[in-house]
Structure formats: C-alpha cells, structure tokens
Amino acid sequence: MDKNLLYCLSSDKKSIVYTFNSFKEAALTLTPKRCKHLSDDELNEFKNVRHIKRHVNIAQLTKTELGNFYLVTHPNTTLQKKVNKKNIEIFSLDIVTGVIIKHDSINKCLLWLKNHGYKMSLSRLLLLLSKDNDNKKLFKGKFLFSYCSMILMN
C-alpha cells in the first residue's frame, strides 16, 4: 500500500475500485454533483472535502454518488488529513486595554487564552475567525480575533 494514495475499496473489501492522489480528487470523483459548483480553491479547503476525510480508515461503508465504498490510506500516510493550522498567525485584540497579541498558531492562541483563565474550544475560535463573523463578535465581551492585524485596526 502506497503512503501517498487514498484507496477506495469495493463493499466486499476484495478489490480496489479507485485510487486517488488527494482528498480533493476523491471528492471530485466520488461526489461530482456535490463538488461541481466549487472552485479549485474552495475544494482545497478542509470543509469542502471533510465528507470524504471523515470516512477514511474507519470500518464504515461510505455512501457516495458512485456507490458504496470503504476509504483507506496507509497508517503512516503523507496525505494531508487536517488543515495545517501550525503556520497561521492569529492576532487577538483586547479592546479594554488596546493590546494586540500575535500568536504563531491557533493552538498557541488557545493555550494563551487558557493560561489567562479563559476557556475556548477550537471550533469557537475558528467561528470567530471565519468570514461569517463579519460583524466581529467579541469573545467574553473583550477579545477580537483575526488572521490579519490590519483588520483589527479598522
């Protein structure tokens, strides 16, 4: 089994029906109707291929537009399973003190909050960082989060 491939097995697990080089390729092939309106950039986002990723390497038959399959990868796969959040800079603004803090990753931002007595889930932070948060909701009525320091200054 190649570490760089995603395999699509038949429902009886006796044959490999498809092999894919990426989750994006699998999503486009196995769920063409679901993906036809998405651009290449949108398909590279985690949220638009998670319907494929969440079924990989679990003993569950996956229903797709082309049939039912098992999706498997090598246990030490080099395929990206999650969005890489390690190199994303996050800025937090304390609107009470006016202090802006740069965090080198989402995890470091969450750790900083925890060390200062605040508890926030990853999903909550991602929601506050999302495009859907155009009205810039505050966390605990005090903190504003952004991927870009310039947005905070507006």
C-alpha atoms as a PDB file:
ATOM      1  CA  MET A   1       0.000   0.000   0.000  1.00  0.00           C
ATOM      2  CA  ASP A   2       1.477   3.344  -1.080  1.00  0.00           C
ATOM      3  CA  LYS A   3       1.687   6.030   1.636  1.00  0.00           C
ATOM      4  CA  ASN A   4       0.709   8.754  -0.823  1.00  0.00           C
ATOM      5  CA  LEU A   5      -2.571   7.301  -2.054  1.00  0.00           C
ATOM      6  CA  LEU A   6      -6.162   7.074  -0.913  1.00  0.00           C
ATOM      7  CA  TYR A   7      -7.771   3.762  -1.800  1.00  0.00           C
ATOM      8  CA  CYS A   8     -11.429   3.157  -2.483  1.00  0.00           C
ATOM      9  CA  LEU A   9     -12.321  -0.484  -1.798  1.00  0.00           C
ATOM     10  CA  SER A  10     -15.375  -2.354  -3.009  1.00  0.00           C
ATOM     11  CA  SER A  11     -18.129  -3.073  -0.486  1.00  0.00           C
ATOM     12  CA  ASP A  12     -16.851  -6.650  -0.083  1.00  0.00           C
ATOM     13  CA  LYS A  13     -13.269  -5.324   0.504  1.00  0.00           C
ATOM     14  CA  LYS A  14     -11.919  -7.699  -2.142  1.00  0.00           C
ATOM     15  CA  SER A  15     -10.841  -5.199  -4.770  1.00  0.00           C
ATOM     16  CA  ILE A  16      -9.539  -1.659  -5.161  1.00  0.00           C
ATOM     17  CA  VAL A  17     -12.071   0.265  -7.219  1.00  0.00           C
ATOM     18  CA  TYR A  18     -10.297   3.643  -7.315  1.00  0.00           C
ATOM     19  CA  THR A  19      -7.021   5.152  -6.185  1.00  0.00           C
ATOM     20  CA  PHE A  20      -6.624   8.878  -5.562  1.00  0.00           C
ATOM     21  CA  ASN A  21      -3.661  11.186  -5.095  1.00  0.00           C
ATOM     22  CA  SER A  22      -5.612  13.591  -2.888  1.00  0.00           C
ATOM     23  CA  PHE A  23      -8.823  14.020  -0.940  1.00  0.00           C
ATOM     24  CA  LYS A  24      -9.813  16.699  -3.437  1.00  0.00           C
ATOM     25  CA  GLU A  25      -9.507  14.215  -6.307  1.00  0.00           C
ATOM     26  CA  ALA A  26     -11.570  11.677  -4.357  1.00  0.00           C
ATOM     27  CA  ALA A  27     -14.284  14.247  -3.629  1.00  0.00           C
ATOM     28  CA  LEU A  28     -14.480  15.299  -7.290  1.00  0.00           C
ATOM     29  CA  THR A  29     -14.720  11.687  -8.481  1.00  0.00           C
ATOM     30  CA  LEU A  30     -16.937  10.148  -5.816  1.00  0.00           C
ATOM     31  CA  THR A  31     -19.278  13.110  -5.254  1.00  0.00           C
ATOM     32  CA  PRO A  32     -19.312  15.055  -8.542  1.00  0.00           C
ATOM     33  CA  LYS A  33     -22.746  16.656  -8.008  1.00  0.00           C
ATOM     34  CA  ARG A  34     -21.767  17.880  -4.554  1.00  0.00           C
ATOM     35  CA  CYS A  35     -18.495  19.370  -5.821  1.00  0.00           C
ATOM     36  CA  LYS A  36     -19.432  20.682  -9.276  1.00  0.00           C
ATOM     37  CA  HIS A  37     -20.206  24.216  -8.053  1.00  0.00           C
ATOM     38  CA  LEU A  38     -16.956  24.549  -6.067  1.00  0.00           C
ATOM     39  CA  SER A  39     -13.847  26.240  -7.422  1.00  0.00           C
ATOM     40  CA  ASP A  40     -10.381  24.686  -7.091  1.00  0.00           C
ATOM     41  CA  ASP A  41      -9.589  26.988  -4.174  1.00  0.00           C
ATOM     42  CA  GLU A  42     -12.812  26.023  -2.397  1.00  0.00           C
ATOM     43  CA  LEU A  43     -12.052  22.330  -2.889  1.00  0.00           C
ATOM     44  CA  ASN A  44      -8.668  22.806  -1.260  1.00  0.00           C
ATOM     45  CA  GLU A  45     -10.394  23.962   1.918  1.00  0.00           C
ATOM     46  CA  PHE A  46     -10.938  21.319   4.603  1.00  0.00           C
ATOM     47  CA  LYS A  47     -14.664  21.972   4.966  1.00  0.00           C
ATOM     48  CA  ASN A  48     -15.363  21.071   1.342  1.00  0.00           C
ATOM     49  CA  VAL A  49     -13.717  17.645   1.433  1.00  0.00           C
ATOM     50  CA  ARG A  50     -14.460  16.625   5.008  1.00  0.00           C
ATOM     51  CA  HIS A  51     -17.363  14.479   3.785  1.00  0.00           C
ATOM     52  CA  ILE A  52     -14.629  12.254   2.305  1.00  0.00           C
ATOM     53  CA  LYS A  53     -11.964  12.638   5.024  1.00  0.00           C
ATOM     54  CA  ARG A  54     -14.230  11.682   7.897  1.00  0.00           C
ATOM     55  CA  HIS A  55     -14.758   8.199   6.424  1.00  0.00           C
ATOM     56  CA  VAL A  56     -11.097   7.332   5.861  1.00  0.00           C
ATOM     57  CA  ASN A  57      -9.696   4.350   7.777  1.00  0.00           C
ATOM     58  CA  ILE A  58     -12.840   3.580   9.702  1.00  0.00           C
ATOM     59  CA  ALA A  59     -14.721   0.331   9.327  1.00  0.00           C
ATOM     60  CA  GLN A  60     -17.754   2.010   7.825  1.00  0.00           C
ATOM     61  CA  LEU A  61     -19.165   1.646   4.357  1.00  0.00           C
ATOM     62  CA  THR A  62     -19.270   5.093   2.749  1.00  0.00           C
ATOM     63  CA  LYS A  63     -22.189   6.027   0.528  1.00  0.00           C
ATOM     64  CA  THR A  64     -21.162   8.151  -2.458  1.00  0.00           C
ATOM     65  CA  GLU A  65     -22.802   9.192  -5.704  1.00  0.00           C
ATOM     66  CA  LEU A  66     -20.943   6.340  -7.450  1.00  0.00           C
ATOM     67  CA  GLY A  67     -21.782   3.605  -4.946  1.00  0.00           C
ATOM     68  CA  ASN A  68     -20.783   2.324  -1.526  1.00  0.00           C
ATOM     69  CA  PHE A  69     -17.087   2.009  -0.700  1.00  0.00           C
ATOM     70  CA  TYR A  70     -14.536   1.744   2.085  1.00  0.00           C
ATOM     71  CA  LEU A  71     -11.942   4.533   2.044  1.00  0.00           C
ATOM     72  CA  VAL A  72      -8.490   3.634   3.329  1.00  0.00           C
ATOM     73  CA  THR A  73      -4.956   5.003   3.418  1.00  0.00           C
ATOM     74  CA  HIS A  74      -1.668   3.678   4.698  1.00  0.00           C
ATOM     75  CA  PRO A  75      -1.473   4.167   8.500  1.00  0.00           C
ATOM     76  CA  ASN A  76       1.546   6.466   8.017  1.00  0.00           C
ATOM     77  CA  THR A  77       0.053   8.355   5.109  1.00  0.00           C
ATOM     78  CA  THR A  78       1.596  11.550   3.866  1.00  0.00           C
ATOM     79  CA  LEU A  79      -1.782  12.754   2.631  1.00  0.00           C
ATOM     80  CA  GLN A  80      -2.967  15.797   4.498  1.00  0.00           C
ATOM     81  CA  LYS A  81      -5.808  14.738   6.799  1.00  0.00           C
ATOM     82  CA  LYS A  82      -6.398  18.046   8.544  1.00  0.00           C
ATOM     83  CA  VAL A  83      -5.941  21.651   7.694  1.00  0.00           C
ATOM     84  CA  ASN A  84      -2.454  22.699   8.712  1.00  0.00           C
ATOM     85  CA  LYS A  85      -3.004  25.317  11.366  1.00  0.00           C
ATOM     86  CA  LYS A  86       0.612  25.407  12.548  1.00  0.00           C
ATOM     87  CA  ASN A  87       1.756  28.216  10.265  1.00  0.00           C
ATOM     88  CA  ILE A  88      -1.243  30.510  10.619  1.00  0.00           C
ATOM     89  CA  GLU A  89      -0.745  33.723  12.542  1.00  0.00           C
ATOM     90  CA  ILE A  90      -3.618  34.837  14.741  1.00  0.00           C
ATOM     91  CA  PHE A  91      -3.984  38.292  16.215  1.00  0.00           C
ATOM     92  CA  SER A  92      -6.017  38.963  19.314  1.00  0.00           C
ATOM     93  CA  LEU A  93      -7.083  42.418  20.415  1.00  0.00           C
ATOM     94  CA  ASP A  94      -8.070  43.146  23.986  1.00  0.00           C
ATOM     95  CA  ILE A  95     -10.498  46.016  23.380  1.00  0.00           C
ATOM     96  CA  VAL A  96     -10.370  47.057  27.039  1.00  0.00           C
ATOM     97  CA  THR A  97      -6.592  47.592  27.155  1.00  0.00           C
ATOM     98  CA  GLY A  98      -5.987  48.053  23.411  1.00  0.00           C
ATOM     99  CA  VAL A  99      -3.239  45.414  23.451  1.00  0.00           C
ATOM    100  CA  ILE A 100      -2.744  43.360  20.284  1.00  0.00           C
ATOM    101  CA  ILE A 101      -1.028  39.996  20.636  1.00  0.00           C
ATOM    102  CA  LYS A 102       0.325  37.947  17.738  1.00  0.00           C
ATOM    103  CA  HIS A 103       0.023  34.172  18.135  1.00  0.00           C
ATOM    104  CA  ASP A 104       2.106  31.905  15.874  1.00  0.00           C
ATOM    105  CA  SER A 105      -0.630  29.281  15.585  1.00  0.00           C
ATOM    106  CA  ILE A 106      -4.211  28.573  16.516  1.00  0.00           C
ATOM    107  CA  ASN A 107      -3.046  26.155  19.200  1.00  0.00           C
ATOM    108  CA  LYS A 108      -0.777  28.798  20.738  1.00  0.00           C
ATOM    109  CA  CYS A 109      -3.682  31.245  20.761  1.00  0.00           C
ATOM    110  CA  LEU A 110      -5.862  28.702  22.579  1.00  0.00           C
ATOM    111  CA  LEU A 111      -3.036  27.992  25.030  1.00  0.00           C
ATOM    112  CA  TRP A 112      -2.561  31.727  25.690  1.00  0.00           C
ATOM    113  CA  LEU A 113      -6.275  32.075  26.450  1.00  0.00           C
ATOM    114  CA  LYS A 114      -6.142  29.072  28.781  1.00  0.00           C
ATOM    115  CA  ASN A 115      -3.107  30.478  30.605  1.00  0.00           C
ATOM    116  CA  HIS A 116      -5.036  33.722  31.149  1.00  0.00           C
ATOM    117  CA  GLY A 117      -8.064  31.972  32.635  1.00  0.00           C
ATOM    118  CA  TYR A 118     -10.258  31.749  29.535  1.00  0.00           C
ATOM    119  CA  LYS A 119     -11.582  28.533  28.062  1.00  0.00           C
ATOM    120  CA  MET A 120     -12.381  28.397  24.358  1.00  0.00           C
ATOM    121  CA  SER A 121     -12.861  25.442  22.028  1.00  0.00           C
ATOM    122  CA  LEU A 122     -11.104  25.189  18.691  1.00  0.00           C
ATOM    123  CA  SER A 123     -14.438  25.313  16.866  1.00  0.00           C
ATOM    124  CA  ARG A 124     -15.421  28.518  18.703  1.00  0.00           C
ATOM    125  CA  LEU A 125     -12.133  30.204  17.793  1.00  0.00           C
ATOM    126  CA  LEU A 126     -12.480  29.129  14.160  1.00  0.00           C
ATOM    127  CA  LEU A 127     -16.008  30.558  14.136  1.00  0.00           C
ATOM    128  CA  LEU A 128     -14.739  33.882  15.490  1.00  0.00           C
ATOM    129  CA  LEU A 129     -12.025  33.877  12.809  1.00  0.00           C
ATOM    130  CA  SER A 130     -14.378  32.917   9.968  1.00  0.00           C
ATOM    131  CA  LYS A 131     -15.725  35.103   7.200  1.00  0.00           C
ATOM    132  CA  ASP A 132     -19.161  34.627   8.760  1.00  0.00           C
ATOM    133  CA  ASN A 133     -18.028  36.768  11.687  1.00  0.00           C
ATOM    134  CA  ASP A 134     -18.141  39.987   9.623  1.00  0.00           C
ATOM    135  CA  ASN A 135     -19.790  41.878  12.467  1.00  0.00           C
ATOM    136  CA  LYS A 136     -16.770  40.917  14.615  1.00  0.00           C
ATOM    137  CA  LYS A 137     -18.387  39.304  17.641  1.00  0.00           C
ATOM    138  CA  LEU A 138     -16.296  39.581  20.777  1.00  0.00           C
ATOM    139  CA  PHE A 139     -15.194  36.713  22.982  1.00  0.00           C
ATOM    140  CA  LYS A 140     -16.131  37.373  26.618  1.00  0.00           C
ATOM    141  CA  GLY A 141     -17.059  40.932  25.562  1.00  0.00           C
ATOM    142  CA  LYS A 142     -13.369  41.707  25.458  1.00  0.00           C
ATOM    143  CA  PHE A 143     -11.369  39.905  22.756  1.00  0.00           C
ATOM    144  CA  LEU A 144     -11.468  40.256  18.979  1.00  0.00           C
ATOM    145  CA  PHE A 145      -9.607  37.694  16.832  1.00  0.00           C
ATOM    146  CA  SER A 146      -8.316  37.975  13.279  1.00  0.00           C
ATOM    147  CA  TYR A 147      -5.923  36.347  10.848  1.00  0.00           C
ATOM    148  CA  CYS A 148      -4.630  39.786   9.879  1.00  0.00           C
ATOM    149  CA  SER A 149      -3.509  42.617  12.154  1.00  0.00           C
ATOM    150  CA  MET A 150      -4.841  45.231   9.722  1.00  0.00           C
ATOM    151  CA  ILE A 151      -8.434  44.007  10.174  1.00  0.00           C
ATOM    152  CA  LEU A 152      -8.125  44.599  13.898  1.00  0.00           C
ATOM    153  CA  MET A 153      -7.075  48.195  13.353  1.00  0.00           C
ATOM    154  CA  ASN A 154     -10.136  49.051  11.229  1.00  0.00           C
END
